Amino acid sequence: MFTTLDFWIQMLTAVIGTLGFSLIFRVKLKHLPFVAIGGLLTYFVYYSLEQIGWNLFLISFLGAVAGAIYSEFAARFRRAPVIVFVLPSMVPIIPGGALYRTMDALINERYDSLFNNLGGTVSIGLGMAGGIVAVSVLAAVIVGITEQLKEKKKAS
């Protein structure tokens, strides 16, 4: 599964796509290697779970969770906002093809195809959003608890 040419081409294009959007988002050059790793990690998890045959929502959710967790650590390590890493890291799993097929079916009035494609597009989008939100909330809770413990330690 991980030794095919197709696998390596997809990983390479995930990195190139991530870097391309990072430049559009004006990510500082010093952060680009870390952003590229985030995009690669996100797509690697997505691709791996897709090959196993899991459903679109779950693979999108777990891919986004992997990218968001990495982004939280990268942001603290690089002392930059999390959004600098999380947004570009999600680019490889954006459902562009699924969205195109959905809109094509709508415009050409192929309603049976429309609803099949729409379900996949929505599943991917909701999975991505859910993964990012879940990690962000968990990170905020952990940071809040850590800060409270530090304040209690200072007060003692």
Protein backbone atom coordinates (compact mmCIF):
# COMPACT_ATOMS: atom_id res chain seq x y z
CA MET A 1 0.00 0.00 0.00
CA PHE A 2 2.77 2.49 0.90
CA THR A 3 5.26 1.35 -1.71
CA THR A 4 3.30 2.15 -4.85
CA LEU A 5 4.11 5.02 -7.15
CA ASP A 6 0.54 6.27 -6.70
CA PHE A 7 1.08 6.59 -2.93
CA TRP A 8 4.27 8.64 -3.34
CA ILE A 9 2.70 10.87 -6.00
CA GLN A 10 -0.25 11.58 -3.73
CA MET A 11 2.00 12.38 -0.77
CA LEU A 12 4.11 14.70 -2.94
CA THR A 13 1.07 16.50 -4.29
CA ALA A 14 -0.30 16.86 -0.74
CA VAL A 15 2.91 18.64 0.27
CA ILE A 16 2.98 20.80 -2.87
CA GLY A 17 -0.69 21.74 -2.45
CA THR A 18 -0.15 22.59 1.19
CA LEU A 19 2.84 24.77 0.36
CA GLY A 20 0.97 26.45 -2.50
CA PHE A 21 -1.94 27.44 -0.30
CA SER A 22 0.48 28.46 2.45
CA LEU A 23 1.97 31.00 0.08
CA ILE A 24 -1.52 32.26 -0.81
CA PHE A 25 -2.28 32.56 2.93
CA ARG A 26 1.04 34.43 3.31
CA VAL A 27 2.53 32.03 5.83
CA LYS A 28 6.01 33.18 6.79
CA LEU A 29 8.79 31.30 5.02
CA LYS A 30 10.28 30.12 8.32
CA HIS A 31 7.03 28.19 9.02
CA LEU A 32 6.71 26.52 5.60
CA PRO A 33 8.58 23.29 6.45
CA PHE A 34 6.36 22.76 9.50
CA VAL A 35 3.22 23.53 7.52
CA ALA A 36 4.30 21.04 4.83
CA ILE A 37 4.73 18.33 7.47
CA GLY A 38 1.23 19.11 8.77
CA GLY A 39 -0.30 18.71 5.31
CA LEU A 40 1.63 15.50 4.75
CA LEU A 41 0.54 14.06 8.11
CA THR A 42 -3.10 15.02 7.56
CA TYR A 43 -3.21 13.45 4.11
CA PHE A 44 -1.23 10.38 5.19
CA VAL A 45 -3.83 9.58 7.87
CA TYR A 46 -6.67 10.29 5.44
CA TYR A 47 -5.12 8.15 2.67
CA SER A 48 -4.26 5.27 5.01
CA LEU A 49 -7.76 5.05 6.44
CA GLU A 50 -9.29 5.41 2.99
CA GLN A 51 -7.25 2.41 1.80
CA ILE A 52 -8.57 0.36 4.70
CA GLY A 53 -12.10 1.21 3.58
CA TRP A 54 -13.41 3.32 6.43
CA ASN A 55 -16.27 5.74 5.76
CA LEU A 56 -15.69 9.29 4.53
CA PHE A 57 -16.80 11.03 7.71
CA LEU A 58 -14.50 9.01 9.93
CA ILE A 59 -11.42 9.29 7.72
CA SER A 60 -11.97 13.03 7.34
CA PHE A 61 -12.51 13.42 11.07
CA LEU A 62 -9.39 11.46 12.02
CA GLY A 63 -7.29 13.11 9.31
CA ALA A 64 -8.34 16.52 10.61
CA VAL A 65 -7.67 15.43 14.20
CA ALA A 66 -4.14 14.35 13.26
CA GLY A 67 -3.47 17.63 11.45
CA ALA A 68 -5.01 19.74 14.21
CA ILE A 69 -3.05 18.02 16.98
CA TYR A 70 0.15 18.49 14.99
CA SER A 71 -0.78 22.14 14.41
CA GLU A 72 -1.31 22.74 18.13
CA PHE A 73 2.18 21.39 18.89
CA ALA A 74 3.79 23.17 15.93
CA ALA A 75 2.20 26.47 16.95
CA ARG A 76 3.61 26.21 20.46
CA PHE A 77 7.00 25.06 19.21
CA ARG A 78 7.20 27.86 16.61
CA ARG A 79 5.48 30.44 18.83
CA ALA A 80 2.89 31.29 16.21
CA PRO A 81 -0.92 31.19 16.08
CA VAL A 82 -2.42 27.73 15.54
CA ILE A 83 -4.33 28.95 12.48
CA VAL A 84 -1.01 29.42 10.65
CA PHE A 85 -0.55 25.65 10.72
CA VAL A 86 -4.06 24.20 10.89
CA LEU A 87 -5.57 25.91 7.85
CA PRO A 88 -2.92 24.92 5.31
CA SER A 89 -2.66 21.45 6.86
CA MET A 90 -6.29 20.76 5.96
CA VAL A 91 -5.91 21.69 2.29
CA PRO A 92 -5.06 18.16 1.08
CA ILE A 93 -8.33 16.73 2.39
CA ILE A 94 -10.67 19.48 1.18
CA PRO A 95 -13.38 17.72 -0.86
CA GLY A 96 -12.73 19.62 -4.09
CA GLY A 97 -13.45 16.71 -6.42
CA ALA A 98 -16.56 15.68 -4.53
CA LEU A 99 -17.82 19.27 -4.51
CA TYR A 100 -17.19 19.56 -8.26
CA ARG A 101 -19.12 16.33 -8.96
CA THR A 102 -21.97 17.53 -6.73
CA MET A 103 -22.26 20.88 -8.51
CA ASP A 104 -21.95 19.21 -11.93
CA ALA A 105 -24.82 16.85 -11.09
CA LEU A 106 -26.92 19.78 -9.86
CA ILE A 107 -26.33 21.88 -12.96
CA ASN A 108 -26.98 18.96 -15.31
CA GLU A 109 -30.09 17.91 -13.33
CA ARG A 110 -28.81 14.42 -12.52
CA TYR A 111 -30.51 14.27 -9.15
CA ASP A 112 -29.68 10.65 -8.36
CA SER A 113 -25.98 11.44 -8.77
CA LEU A 114 -26.44 14.76 -6.95
CA PHE A 115 -27.60 13.17 -3.71
CA ASN A 116 -24.91 10.46 -3.82
CA ASN A 117 -22.17 13.06 -4.26
CA LEU A 118 -23.71 15.54 -1.85
CA GLY A 119 -23.63 12.98 0.96
CA GLY A 120 -19.91 12.40 0.47
CA THR A 121 -19.13 16.10 0.22
CA VAL A 122 -21.04 16.92 3.38
CA SER A 123 -19.51 13.95 5.21
CA ILE A 124 -15.99 15.11 4.42
CA GLY A 125 -16.75 18.73 5.36
CA LEU A 126 -18.41 17.80 8.64
CA GLY A 127 -15.63 15.35 9.48
CA MET A 128 -12.99 18.01 8.90
CA ALA A 129 -14.86 20.63 10.91
CA GLY A 130 -15.57 18.19 13.72
CA GLY A 131 -11.95 17.09 13.94
CA ILE A 132 -10.62 20.64 14.07
CA VAL A 133 -13.20 21.76 16.64
CA ALA A 134 -12.68 18.69 18.85
CA VAL A 135 -8.92 19.26 19.02
CA SER A 136 -9.30 23.02 19.52
CA VAL A 137 -11.72 22.55 22.41
CA LEU A 138 -9.54 19.87 23.99
CA ALA A 139 -6.45 22.08 23.63
CA ALA A 140 -8.27 25.04 25.20
CA VAL A 141 -9.37 22.88 28.14
CA ILE A 142 -5.84 21.53 28.65
CA VAL A 143 -4.32 25.03 28.47
CA GLY A 144 -6.95 26.34 30.91
CA ILE A 145 -6.28 23.55 33.41
CA THR A 146 -2.52 24.05 33.06
CA GLU A 147 -2.84 27.78 33.72
CA GLN A 148 -5.04 27.19 36.78
CA LEU A 149 -2.51 24.72 38.19
CA LYS A 150 0.29 27.25 37.65
CA GLU A 151 -1.71 29.95 39.45
CA LYS A 152 -2.45 27.65 42.36
CA LYS A 153 1.22 26.73 42.59
CA LYS A 154 2.19 30.44 42.63
CA ALA A 155 -0.39 31.22 45.31
CA SER A 156 0.91 28.43 47.56
